[in-house]
Amino acid sequence: MKIGYPCIHTEIGCKASSGFRLASYSKDRLIETVQRNLDCLEKILLFNLKHKIFFFRISSDLVPFASHPICTYDWQAHFSKQLKNIGNFIKKHDMRISMHPDQFVLINAKDKRIVKNSIRELAYHCQVLDLMMLDETAKIQIHVGGLYGDKVASVDRFIRVYKALPLDMKKRLAIENDDYKYSVQDCIDIHKKINVPVIFDSLHHDCLNNGESYREALKICSKTWTKKDGIPIIDYSTQDKTKRKGAHTLSIDIRHFKAFIKEIKGIDCDIMLEIKDKQKSASRALEVLRVKDKIRRLLVER
């Protein structure tokens, strides 16, 4: 089981997701920004290695405006060596990487322009992971999308567009249950038609479910993952009680996390902590797992 956090390190002193306004776009500005982002990503991965955090979600903003028509510079060639080196570091230390495009990526949209732009954005994400030479266990997770007043038709559009995507893109994609539109069961129904892996999101499941326990839902989702897809991924968080339903908590609730780990015992998975203090909660979660493992070993020795 790998524990991870998404995109940003709150204390390292840099961001691997810095950007600039579209009006400020230039080739030199792009090169400067991407170089800064990649250098910071290397620092984050080094920190994670030192602290035994082996799962990380790379920011979609690694290359600003990469899928926008304004970006005509061949950033892929310019940064290919550094991206390959980052990928080698990830593979050498058996790290898991994922990406999660922003919610404007909607391949089931009724507007064909939005679908086209969404596919361009997915292609950019694939390029990043391909240039790192990571296998298809490095997933790009997306939401099913909108309801548009007709859930059945919206699911049908998702399936139709997904089927038409390039194979190299489809092999990286995974869908997740969301907090008010598409439940685990909805995602499973889609999986049955196109074999896309399903990521289990625990907080979204709290918001929208069909009565399944965490364990029941995770077992169903785990069965959608093949050997090539790698170990199933979970997004884990709890509700911020001061904010709207579905808002992620600031810091890990250790009592809830311990109960969650106990409930899913025996189900292999990698856990992405969608918690706002990032690496801090990841380190606390790892300590819980280390203590549990120590107790288990002591009991076995007896």
C-alpha atoms as a PDB file:
ATOM      1  CA  MET A   1       0.000   0.000   0.000  1.00  0.00           C
ATOM      2  CA  LYS A   2       1.383   3.382  -1.070  1.00  0.00           C
ATOM      3  CA  ILE A   3       0.206   6.634   0.512  1.00  0.00           C
ATOM      4  CA  GLY A   4       0.295   9.891  -1.427  1.00  0.00           C
ATOM      5  CA  TYR A   5      -0.879  13.478  -1.741  1.00  0.00           C
ATOM      6  CA  PRO A   6      -1.735  15.704  -4.699  1.00  0.00           C
ATOM      7  CA  CYS A   7       0.202  18.339  -6.609  1.00  0.00           C
ATOM      8  CA  ILE A   8       1.507  20.746  -3.973  1.00  0.00           C
ATOM      9  CA  HIS A   9       4.015  20.549  -1.138  1.00  0.00           C
ATOM     10  CA  THR A  10       3.103  23.121   1.487  1.00  0.00           C
ATOM     11  CA  GLU A  11       6.566  23.677   2.997  1.00  0.00           C
ATOM     12  CA  ILE A  12       9.214  23.025   0.368  1.00  0.00           C
ATOM     13  CA  GLY A  13       9.313  26.628  -0.858  1.00  0.00           C
ATOM     14  CA  CYS A  14       8.363  26.077  -4.493  1.00  0.00           C
ATOM     15  CA  LYS A  15       5.395  25.007  -6.620  1.00  0.00           C
ATOM     16  CA  ALA A  16       5.413  22.513  -9.477  1.00  0.00           C
ATOM     17  CA  SER A  17       2.289  24.198 -10.782  1.00  0.00           C
ATOM     18  CA  SER A  18       3.261  27.827 -11.267  1.00  0.00           C
ATOM     19  CA  GLY A  19       1.713  29.605 -14.225  1.00  0.00           C
ATOM     20  CA  PHE A  20       0.982  32.938 -15.846  1.00  0.00           C
ATOM     21  CA  ARG A  21      -1.851  34.719 -17.605  1.00  0.00           C
ATOM     22  CA  LEU A  22      -2.699  33.917 -21.211  1.00  0.00           C
ATOM     23  CA  ALA A  23      -2.099  37.566 -22.114  1.00  0.00           C
ATOM     24  CA  SER A  24       1.512  37.150 -20.892  1.00  0.00           C
ATOM     25  CA  TYR A  25       2.229  34.105 -23.050  1.00  0.00           C
ATOM     26  CA  SER A  26       5.547  33.911 -24.867  1.00  0.00           C
ATOM     27  CA  LYS A  27       7.929  31.110 -25.731  1.00  0.00           C
ATOM     28  CA  ASP A  28      10.499  32.386 -23.256  1.00  0.00           C
ATOM     29  CA  ARG A  29       7.884  32.731 -20.494  1.00  0.00           C
ATOM     30  CA  LEU A  30       6.728  29.169 -21.157  1.00  0.00           C
ATOM     31  CA  ILE A  31      10.251  27.714 -21.051  1.00  0.00           C
ATOM     32  CA  GLU A  32      11.101  29.606 -17.873  1.00  0.00           C
ATOM     33  CA  THR A  33       7.914  28.492 -16.117  1.00  0.00           C
ATOM     34  CA  VAL A  34       8.091  24.833 -17.137  1.00  0.00           C
ATOM     35  CA  GLN A  35      11.747  24.675 -16.104  1.00  0.00           C
ATOM     36  CA  ARG A  36      10.836  26.051 -12.681  1.00  0.00           C
ATOM     37  CA  ASN A  37       7.957  23.569 -12.357  1.00  0.00           C
ATOM     38  CA  LEU A  38      10.081  20.568 -13.307  1.00  0.00           C
ATOM     39  CA  ASP A  39      12.894  21.599 -10.956  1.00  0.00           C
ATOM     40  CA  CYS A  40      10.357  21.865  -8.142  1.00  0.00           C
ATOM     41  CA  LEU A  41       8.823  18.505  -9.038  1.00  0.00           C
ATOM     42  CA  GLU A  42      12.264  16.952  -8.636  1.00  0.00           C
ATOM     43  CA  LYS A  43      12.580  18.508  -5.168  1.00  0.00           C
ATOM     44  CA  ILE A  44       9.149  17.212  -4.167  1.00  0.00           C
ATOM     45  CA  LEU A  45       9.980  13.684  -5.308  1.00  0.00           C
ATOM     46  CA  LEU A  46      13.268  13.784  -3.386  1.00  0.00           C
ATOM     47  CA  PHE A  47      11.397  14.876  -0.269  1.00  0.00           C
ATOM     48  CA  ASN A  48       8.849  12.116  -0.779  1.00  0.00           C
ATOM     49  CA  LEU A  49      11.571   9.501  -1.149  1.00  0.00           C
ATOM     50  CA  LYS A  50      13.251  10.654   2.060  1.00  0.00           C
ATOM     51  CA  HIS A  51       9.929  10.426   3.922  1.00  0.00           C
ATOM     52  CA  LYS A  52       8.828   7.156   2.264  1.00  0.00           C
ATOM     53  CA  ILE A  53       5.889   8.737   0.437  1.00  0.00           C
ATOM     54  CA  PHE A  54       5.692   6.709  -2.763  1.00  0.00           C
ATOM     55  CA  PHE A  55       2.517   8.044  -4.392  1.00  0.00           C
ATOM     56  CA  PHE A  56       2.173  11.512  -5.900  1.00  0.00           C
ATOM     57  CA  ARG A  57      -0.275  13.299  -8.185  1.00  0.00           C
ATOM     58  CA  ILE A  58       1.472  15.603 -10.636  1.00  0.00           C
ATOM     59  CA  SER A  59      -0.254  18.916 -11.244  1.00  0.00           C
ATOM     60  CA  SER A  60      -2.080  19.486 -14.516  1.00  0.00           C
ATOM     61  CA  ASP A  61      -0.408  22.928 -14.554  1.00  0.00           C
ATOM     62  CA  LEU A  62       3.069  21.468 -15.055  1.00  0.00           C
ATOM     63  CA  VAL A  63       3.089  22.928 -18.583  1.00  0.00           C
ATOM     64  CA  PRO A  64       0.870  26.035 -18.709  1.00  0.00           C
ATOM     65  CA  PHE A  65      -1.458  26.280 -21.721  1.00  0.00           C
ATOM     66  CA  ALA A  66      -0.058  23.038 -23.146  1.00  0.00           C
ATOM     67  CA  SER A  67      -3.408  22.129 -24.728  1.00  0.00           C
ATOM     68  CA  HIS A  68      -4.262  25.690 -25.807  1.00  0.00           C
ATOM     69  CA  PRO A  69      -3.826  26.625 -29.496  1.00  0.00           C
ATOM     70  CA  ILE A  70      -1.505  29.443 -28.438  1.00  0.00           C
ATOM     71  CA  CYS A  71       1.108  26.895 -27.362  1.00  0.00           C
ATOM     72  CA  THR A  72       2.940  26.061 -30.581  1.00  0.00           C
ATOM     73  CA  TYR A  73       6.403  25.660 -29.055  1.00  0.00           C
ATOM     74  CA  ASP A  74       7.756  22.099 -28.968  1.00  0.00           C
ATOM     75  CA  TRP A  75       8.048  21.847 -25.190  1.00  0.00           C
ATOM     76  CA  GLN A  76       8.026  18.072 -25.511  1.00  0.00           C
ATOM     77  CA  ALA A  77      11.394  18.046 -27.297  1.00  0.00           C
ATOM     78  CA  HIS A  78      12.847  20.846 -25.169  1.00  0.00           C
ATOM     79  CA  PHE A  79      12.160  19.051 -21.876  1.00  0.00           C
ATOM     80  CA  SER A  80      12.309  15.427 -23.044  1.00  0.00           C
ATOM     81  CA  LYS A  81      15.629  14.674 -21.313  1.00  0.00           C
ATOM     82  CA  GLN A  82      14.549  16.095 -17.951  1.00  0.00           C
ATOM     83  CA  LEU A  83      11.156  14.386 -18.119  1.00  0.00           C
ATOM     84  CA  LYS A  84      12.850  11.078 -18.928  1.00  0.00           C
ATOM     85  CA  ASN A  85      15.220  11.551 -15.981  1.00  0.00           C
ATOM     86  CA  ILE A  86      12.284  12.261 -13.664  1.00  0.00           C
ATOM     87  CA  GLY A  87      10.597   9.113 -14.959  1.00  0.00           C
ATOM     88  CA  ASN A  88      13.743   7.085 -14.321  1.00  0.00           C
ATOM     89  CA  PHE A  89      13.839   8.376 -10.735  1.00  0.00           C
ATOM     90  CA  ILE A  90      10.172   7.414 -10.261  1.00  0.00           C
ATOM     91  CA  LYS A  91      10.735   3.910 -11.638  1.00  0.00           C
ATOM     92  CA  LYS A  92      13.998   3.367  -9.748  1.00  0.00           C
ATOM     93  CA  HIS A  93      12.265   4.023  -6.431  1.00  0.00           C
ATOM     94  CA  ASP A  94       9.026   2.225  -7.297  1.00  0.00           C
ATOM     95  CA  MET A  95       6.865   5.328  -6.975  1.00  0.00           C
ATOM     96  CA  ARG A  96       3.295   5.626  -8.236  1.00  0.00           C
ATOM     97  CA  ILE A  97       2.246   8.675 -10.250  1.00  0.00           C
ATOM     98  CA  SER A  98      -1.181   9.928 -11.269  1.00  0.00           C
ATOM     99  CA  MET A  99      -2.707  13.046 -12.798  1.00  0.00           C
ATOM    100  CA  HIS A 100      -6.177  14.559 -12.522  1.00  0.00           C
ATOM    101  CA  PRO A 101      -7.272  17.126 -15.140  1.00  0.00           C
ATOM    102  CA  ASP A 102      -9.439  20.004 -14.000  1.00  0.00           C
ATOM    103  CA  GLN A 103     -13.198  19.579 -14.019  1.00  0.00           C
ATOM    104  CA  PHE A 104     -13.555  21.484 -17.293  1.00  0.00           C
ATOM    105  CA  VAL A 105     -12.490  18.211 -18.944  1.00  0.00           C
ATOM    106  CA  LEU A 106     -15.890  16.811 -19.932  1.00  0.00           C
ATOM    107  CA  ILE A 107     -15.850  14.224 -22.664  1.00  0.00           C
ATOM    108  CA  ASN A 108     -19.609  13.712 -22.279  1.00  0.00           C
ATOM    109  CA  ALA A 109     -20.436  17.383 -22.917  1.00  0.00           C
ATOM    110  CA  LYS A 110     -23.174  18.199 -25.406  1.00  0.00           C
ATOM    111  CA  ASP A 111     -21.013  20.987 -26.852  1.00  0.00           C
ATOM    112  CA  LYS A 112     -18.609  19.421 -29.372  1.00  0.00           C
ATOM    113  CA  ARG A 113     -16.125  22.259 -28.815  1.00  0.00           C
ATOM    114  CA  ILE A 114     -15.859  21.337 -25.116  1.00  0.00           C
ATOM    115  CA  VAL A 115     -15.333  17.681 -26.025  1.00  0.00           C
ATOM    116  CA  LYS A 116     -12.607  18.602 -28.504  1.00  0.00           C
ATOM    117  CA  ASN A 117     -10.828  20.789 -25.946  1.00  0.00           C
ATOM    118  CA  SER A 118     -11.168  18.059 -23.313  1.00  0.00           C
ATOM    119  CA  ILE A 119      -9.503  15.517 -25.579  1.00  0.00           C
ATOM    120  CA  ARG A 120      -6.673  17.971 -26.283  1.00  0.00           C
ATOM    121  CA  GLU A 121      -6.170  18.339 -22.530  1.00  0.00           C
ATOM    122  CA  LEU A 122      -6.119  14.571 -22.030  1.00  0.00           C
ATOM    123  CA  ALA A 123      -3.589  14.248 -24.852  1.00  0.00           C
ATOM    124  CA  TYR A 124      -1.297  16.716 -23.040  1.00  0.00           C
ATOM    125  CA  HIS A 125      -1.524  14.695 -19.807  1.00  0.00           C
ATOM    126  CA  CYS A 126      -0.646  11.539 -21.722  1.00  0.00           C
ATOM    127  CA  GLN A 127       2.356  13.277 -23.289  1.00  0.00           C
ATOM    128  CA  VAL A 128       3.743  14.157 -19.860  1.00  0.00           C
ATOM    129  CA  LEU A 129       3.492  10.564 -18.619  1.00  0.00           C
ATOM    130  CA  ASP A 130       4.701   9.115 -21.925  1.00  0.00           C
ATOM    131  CA  LEU A 131       7.755  11.397 -21.942  1.00  0.00           C
ATOM    132  CA  MET A 132       8.534  10.124 -18.448  1.00  0.00           C
ATOM    133  CA  MET A 133       8.259   6.637 -19.978  1.00  0.00           C
ATOM    134  CA  LEU A 134       5.912   5.468 -17.231  1.00  0.00           C
ATOM    135  CA  ASP A 135       3.715   2.456 -17.849  1.00  0.00           C
ATOM    136  CA  GLU A 136      -0.086   2.476 -17.748  1.00  0.00           C
ATOM    137  CA  THR A 137      -0.202   2.140 -13.961  1.00  0.00           C
ATOM    138  CA  ALA A 138       0.373   5.926 -14.066  1.00  0.00           C
ATOM    139  CA  LYS A 139      -3.278   6.871 -14.368  1.00  0.00           C
ATOM    140  CA  ILE A 140      -5.144   9.967 -15.506  1.00  0.00           C
ATOM    141  CA  GLN A 141      -8.375  10.119 -13.551  1.00  0.00           C
ATOM    142  CA  ILE A 142     -11.445  11.921 -14.785  1.00  0.00           C
ATOM    143  CA  HIS A 143     -15.065  12.375 -13.800  1.00  0.00           C
ATOM    144  CA  VAL A 144     -17.835  10.968 -15.943  1.00  0.00           C
ATOM    145  CA  GLY A 145     -19.038  14.554 -16.409  1.00  0.00           C
ATOM    146  CA  GLY A 146     -22.326  16.399 -16.358  1.00  0.00           C
ATOM    147  CA  LEU A 147     -25.914  15.180 -16.279  1.00  0.00           C
ATOM    148  CA  TYR A 148     -27.261  17.726 -18.775  1.00  0.00           C
ATOM    149  CA  GLY A 149     -30.827  16.922 -17.775  1.00  0.00           C
ATOM    150  CA  ASP A 150     -30.640  13.337 -19.067  1.00  0.00           C
ATOM    151  CA  LYS A 151     -28.378  10.915 -17.217  1.00  0.00           C
ATOM    152  CA  VAL A 152     -28.864   8.015 -19.621  1.00  0.00           C
ATOM    153  CA  ALA A 153     -27.995  10.117 -22.667  1.00  0.00           C
ATOM    154  CA  SER A 154     -25.020  11.656 -20.830  1.00  0.00           C
ATOM    155  CA  VAL A 155     -23.613   8.216 -19.997  1.00  0.00           C
ATOM    156  CA  ASP A 156     -24.144   7.115 -23.590  1.00  0.00           C
ATOM    157  CA  ARG A 157     -22.186  10.141 -24.839  1.00  0.00           C
ATOM    158  CA  PHE A 158     -19.339   9.372 -22.431  1.00  0.00           C
ATOM    159  CA  ILE A 159     -19.169   5.786 -23.671  1.00  0.00           C
ATOM    160  CA  ARG A 160     -19.331   6.807 -27.323  1.00  0.00           C
ATOM    161  CA  VAL A 161     -16.559   9.393 -27.015  1.00  0.00           C
ATOM    162  CA  TYR A 162     -14.405   7.104 -24.860  1.00  0.00           C
ATOM    163  CA  LYS A 163     -14.606   4.313 -27.433  1.00  0.00           C
ATOM    164  CA  ALA A 164     -13.327   6.686 -30.123  1.00  0.00           C
ATOM    165  CA  LEU A 165     -10.285   7.819 -28.128  1.00  0.00           C
ATOM    166  CA  PRO A 166      -6.791   6.593 -29.150  1.00  0.00           C
ATOM    167  CA  LEU A 167      -5.724   3.379 -27.430  1.00  0.00           C
ATOM    168  CA  ASP A 168      -2.677   5.100 -25.897  1.00  0.00           C
ATOM    169  CA  MET A 169      -5.049   7.506 -24.163  1.00  0.00           C
ATOM    170  CA  LYS A 170      -7.634   4.955 -23.079  1.00  0.00           C
ATOM    171  CA  LYS A 171      -5.015   2.782 -21.386  1.00  0.00           C
ATOM    172  CA  ARG A 172      -4.204   5.635 -18.972  1.00  0.00           C
ATOM    173  CA  LEU A 173      -7.743   6.731 -18.096  1.00  0.00           C
ATOM    174  CA  ALA A 174      -9.703   5.857 -14.972  1.00  0.00           C
ATOM    175  CA  ILE A 175     -13.031   7.254 -13.788  1.00  0.00           C
ATOM    176  CA  GLU A 176     -14.096   8.076 -10.239  1.00  0.00           C
ATOM    177  CA  ASN A 177     -17.402   8.328  -8.454  1.00  0.00           C
ATOM    178  CA  ASP A 178     -18.387  11.907  -7.648  1.00  0.00           C
ATOM    179  CA  ASP A 179     -20.295  13.611  -4.879  1.00  0.00           C
ATOM    180  CA  TYR A 180     -23.681  14.268  -6.459  1.00  0.00           C
ATOM    181  CA  LYS A 181     -24.008  12.936 -10.026  1.00  0.00           C
ATOM    182  CA  TYR A 182     -22.367   9.554 -10.610  1.00  0.00           C
ATOM    183  CA  SER A 183     -22.136   6.970  -7.822  1.00  0.00           C
ATOM    184  CA  VAL A 184     -19.890   3.928  -7.602  1.00  0.00           C
ATOM    185  CA  GLN A 185     -22.661   1.837  -9.139  1.00  0.00           C
ATOM    186  CA  ASP A 186     -23.023   4.293 -12.028  1.00  0.00           C
ATOM    187  CA  CYS A 187     -19.280   4.016 -12.685  1.00  0.00           C
ATOM    188  CA  ILE A 188     -19.435   0.220 -12.489  1.00  0.00           C
ATOM    189  CA  ASP A 189     -22.236   0.198 -15.055  1.00  0.00           C
ATOM    190  CA  ILE A 190     -20.006   2.252 -17.368  1.00  0.00           C
ATOM    191  CA  HIS A 191     -17.054  -0.059 -16.706  1.00  0.00           C
ATOM    192  CA  LYS A 192     -19.121  -3.050 -17.810  1.00  0.00           C
ATOM    193  CA  LYS A 193     -19.447  -1.487 -21.250  1.00  0.00           C
ATOM    194  CA  ILE A 194     -15.928  -0.134 -21.824  1.00  0.00           C
ATOM    195  CA  ASN A 195     -13.680  -1.785 -19.187  1.00  0.00           C
ATOM    196  CA  VAL A 196     -12.395   1.514 -17.783  1.00  0.00           C
ATOM    197  CA  PRO A 197     -10.962   1.157 -14.246  1.00  0.00           C
ATOM    198  CA  VAL A 198     -12.936   2.792 -11.433  1.00  0.00           C
ATOM    199  CA  ILE A 199     -11.223   4.797  -8.675  1.00  0.00           C
ATOM    200  CA  PHE A 200     -13.068   4.695  -5.366  1.00  0.00           C
ATOM    201  CA  ASP A 201     -13.437   8.123  -3.732  1.00  0.00           C
ATOM    202  CA  SER A 202     -14.404   7.714  -0.092  1.00  0.00           C
ATOM    203  CA  LEU A 203     -15.665  11.265   0.547  1.00  0.00           C
ATOM    204  CA  HIS A 204     -17.723  11.263  -2.635  1.00  0.00           C
ATOM    205  CA  HIS A 205     -19.130   7.914  -1.548  1.00  0.00           C
ATOM    206  CA  ASP A 206     -20.175   9.482   1.754  1.00  0.00           C
ATOM    207  CA  CYS A 207     -22.108  12.064  -0.265  1.00  0.00           C
ATOM    208  CA  LEU A 208     -23.630   9.755  -2.905  1.00  0.00           C
ATOM    209  CA  ASN A 209     -24.031   6.004  -2.612  1.00  0.00           C
ATOM    210  CA  ASN A 210     -26.453   3.122  -2.897  1.00  0.00           C
ATOM    211  CA  GLY A 211     -26.055   1.865   0.645  1.00  0.00           C
ATOM    212  CA  GLU A 212     -22.695   0.138   0.136  1.00  0.00           C
ATOM    213  CA  SER A 213     -20.123   0.179   2.920  1.00  0.00           C
ATOM    214  CA  TYR A 214     -16.598   1.377   2.142  1.00  0.00           C
ATOM    215  CA  ARG A 215     -15.472  -2.236   1.947  1.00  0.00           C
ATOM    216  CA  GLU A 216     -18.291  -3.312  -0.356  1.00  0.00           C
ATOM    217  CA  ALA A 217     -17.765  -0.353  -2.683  1.00  0.00           C
ATOM    218  CA  LEU A 218     -13.985  -0.754  -2.775  1.00  0.00           C
ATOM    219  CA  LYS A 219     -14.223  -4.477  -3.520  1.00  0.00           C
ATOM    220  CA  ILE A 220     -16.498  -3.730  -6.471  1.00  0.00           C
ATOM    221  CA  CYS A 221     -14.152  -1.029  -7.776  1.00  0.00           C
ATOM    222  CA  SER A 222     -11.041  -3.186  -7.265  1.00  0.00           C
ATOM    223  CA  LYS A 223     -12.401  -5.806  -9.634  1.00  0.00           C
ATOM    224  CA  THR A 224     -12.319  -3.270 -12.484  1.00  0.00           C
ATOM    225  CA  TRP A 225      -8.504  -3.083 -12.345  1.00  0.00           C
ATOM    226  CA  THR A 226      -6.331  -5.416 -14.417  1.00  0.00           C
ATOM    227  CA  LYS A 227      -2.707  -6.345 -13.819  1.00  0.00           C
ATOM    228  CA  LYS A 228      -1.624  -3.766 -16.421  1.00  0.00           C
ATOM    229  CA  ASP A 229      -3.593  -1.046 -14.623  1.00  0.00           C
ATOM    230  CA  GLY A 230      -1.713  -1.744 -11.413  1.00  0.00           C
ATOM    231  CA  ILE A 231      -2.968  -1.773  -7.845  1.00  0.00           C
ATOM    232  CA  PRO A 232      -6.376  -0.059  -7.465  1.00  0.00           C
ATOM    233  CA  ILE A 233      -6.320   3.600  -6.469  1.00  0.00           C
ATOM    234  CA  ILE A 234      -8.417   5.159  -3.711  1.00  0.00           C
ATOM    235  CA  ASP A 235      -9.036   8.860  -3.142  1.00  0.00           C
ATOM    236  CA  TYR A 236      -9.452   9.322   0.595  1.00  0.00           C
ATOM    237  CA  SER A 237     -10.665  12.304   2.607  1.00  0.00           C
ATOM    238  CA  THR A 238     -13.285  13.316   5.141  1.00  0.00           C
ATOM    239  CA  GLN A 239     -15.759  16.163   5.223  1.00  0.00           C
ATOM    240  CA  ASP A 240     -14.726  19.674   6.275  1.00  0.00           C
ATOM    241  CA  LYS A 241     -17.572  20.319   8.683  1.00  0.00           C
ATOM    242  CA  THR A 242     -17.344  24.095   8.225  1.00  0.00           C
ATOM    243  CA  LYS A 243     -17.920  24.007   4.468  1.00  0.00           C
ATOM    244  CA  ARG A 244     -20.293  22.707   1.796  1.00  0.00           C
ATOM    245  CA  LYS A 245     -21.018  19.019   1.439  1.00  0.00           C
ATOM    246  CA  GLY A 246     -18.114  17.302  -0.299  1.00  0.00           C
ATOM    247  CA  ALA A 247     -15.428  19.798   0.796  1.00  0.00           C
ATOM    248  CA  HIS A 248     -12.148  18.154   1.809  1.00  0.00           C
ATOM    249  CA  THR A 249     -10.904  18.459   5.355  1.00  0.00           C
ATOM    250  CA  LEU A 250      -7.866  20.539   6.274  1.00  0.00           C
ATOM    251  CA  SER A 251      -6.043  17.750   8.119  1.00  0.00           C
ATOM    252  CA  ILE A 252      -6.421  13.998   8.407  1.00  0.00           C
ATOM    253  CA  ASP A 253      -8.891  12.632  10.952  1.00  0.00           C
ATOM    254  CA  ILE A 254      -6.706   9.898  12.426  1.00  0.00           C
ATOM    255  CA  ARG A 255      -9.586   8.130  14.160  1.00  0.00           C
ATOM    256  CA  HIS A 256     -11.568   7.955  10.910  1.00  0.00           C
ATOM    257  CA  PHE A 257      -8.481   6.876   8.934  1.00  0.00           C
ATOM    258  CA  LYS A 258      -7.731   4.052  11.367  1.00  0.00           C
ATOM    259  CA  ALA A 259     -11.339   2.838  11.117  1.00  0.00           C
ATOM    260  CA  PHE A 260     -11.187   3.093   7.313  1.00  0.00           C
ATOM    261  CA  ILE A 261      -7.974   1.050   7.123  1.00  0.00           C
ATOM    262  CA  LYS A 262      -9.473  -1.553   9.446  1.00  0.00           C
ATOM    263  CA  GLU A 263     -12.605  -1.812   7.291  1.00  0.00           C
ATOM    264  CA  ILE A 264     -10.698  -2.329   4.034  1.00  0.00           C
ATOM    265  CA  LYS A 265      -8.161  -4.746   5.551  1.00  0.00           C
ATOM    266  CA  GLY A 266      -6.999  -7.325   3.033  1.00  0.00           C
ATOM    267  CA  ILE A 267      -7.865  -5.243  -0.050  1.00  0.00           C
ATOM    268  CA  ASP A 268      -4.689  -4.109  -1.801  1.00  0.00           C
ATOM    269  CA  CYS A 269      -4.784  -0.458  -2.879  1.00  0.00           C
ATOM    270  CA  ASP A 270      -2.797   2.773  -3.142  1.00  0.00           C
ATOM    271  CA  ILE A 271      -4.326   5.715  -1.286  1.00  0.00           C
ATOM    272  CA  MET A 272      -4.285   9.306  -2.482  1.00  0.00           C
ATOM    273  CA  LEU A 273      -5.055  11.628   0.425  1.00  0.00           C
ATOM    274  CA  GLU A 274      -7.118  14.525  -0.905  1.00  0.00           C
ATOM    275  CA  ILE A 275      -6.471  16.543   2.231  1.00  0.00           C
ATOM    276  CA  LYS A 276      -5.465  20.180   2.262  1.00  0.00           C
ATOM    277  CA  ASP A 277      -2.294  20.004   4.352  1.00  0.00           C
ATOM    278  CA  LYS A 278      -0.843  17.571   1.801  1.00  0.00           C
ATOM    279  CA  GLN A 279       2.442  15.930   2.902  1.00  0.00           C
ATOM    280  CA  LYS A 280       1.697  16.559   6.580  1.00  0.00           C
ATOM    281  CA  SER A 281      -1.321  14.261   6.536  1.00  0.00           C
ATOM    282  CA  ALA A 282       0.516  11.775   4.319  1.00  0.00           C
ATOM    283  CA  SER A 283       3.262  11.470   6.940  1.00  0.00           C
ATOM    284  CA  ARG A 284       0.696  11.014   9.727  1.00  0.00           C
ATOM    285  CA  ALA A 285      -1.131   8.341   7.728  1.00  0.00           C
ATOM    286  CA  LEU A 286       2.133   6.485   7.120  1.00  0.00           C
ATOM    287  CA  GLU A 287       2.848   6.502  10.831  1.00  0.00           C
ATOM    288  CA  VAL A 288      -0.535   4.842  11.450  1.00  0.00           C
ATOM    289  CA  LEU A 289       0.353   2.116   8.951  1.00  0.00           C
ATOM    290  CA  ARG A 290       3.819   1.648  10.462  1.00  0.00           C
ATOM    291  CA  VAL A 291       2.374   1.210  13.944  1.00  0.00           C
ATOM    292  CA  LYS A 292      -0.205  -1.279  12.667  1.00  0.00           C
ATOM    293  CA  ASP A 293       2.491  -3.235  10.840  1.00  0.00           C
ATOM    294  CA  LYS A 294       4.701  -3.292  13.936  1.00  0.00           C
ATOM    295  CA  ILE A 295       1.845  -4.620  16.069  1.00  0.00           C
ATOM    296  CA  ARG A 296       1.043  -7.252  13.435  1.00  0.00           C
ATOM    297  CA  ARG A 297       4.667  -8.445  13.334  1.00  0.00           C
ATOM    298  CA  LEU A 298       4.844  -8.652  17.125  1.00  0.00           C
ATOM    299  CA  LEU A 299       1.696 -10.762  17.207  1.00  0.00           C
ATOM    300  CA  VAL A 300       3.079 -13.080  14.513  1.00  0.00           C
ATOM    301  CA  GLU A 301       6.356 -13.489  16.410  1.00  0.00           C
ATOM    302  CA  ARG A 302       4.457 -14.509  19.538  1.00  0.00           C
END
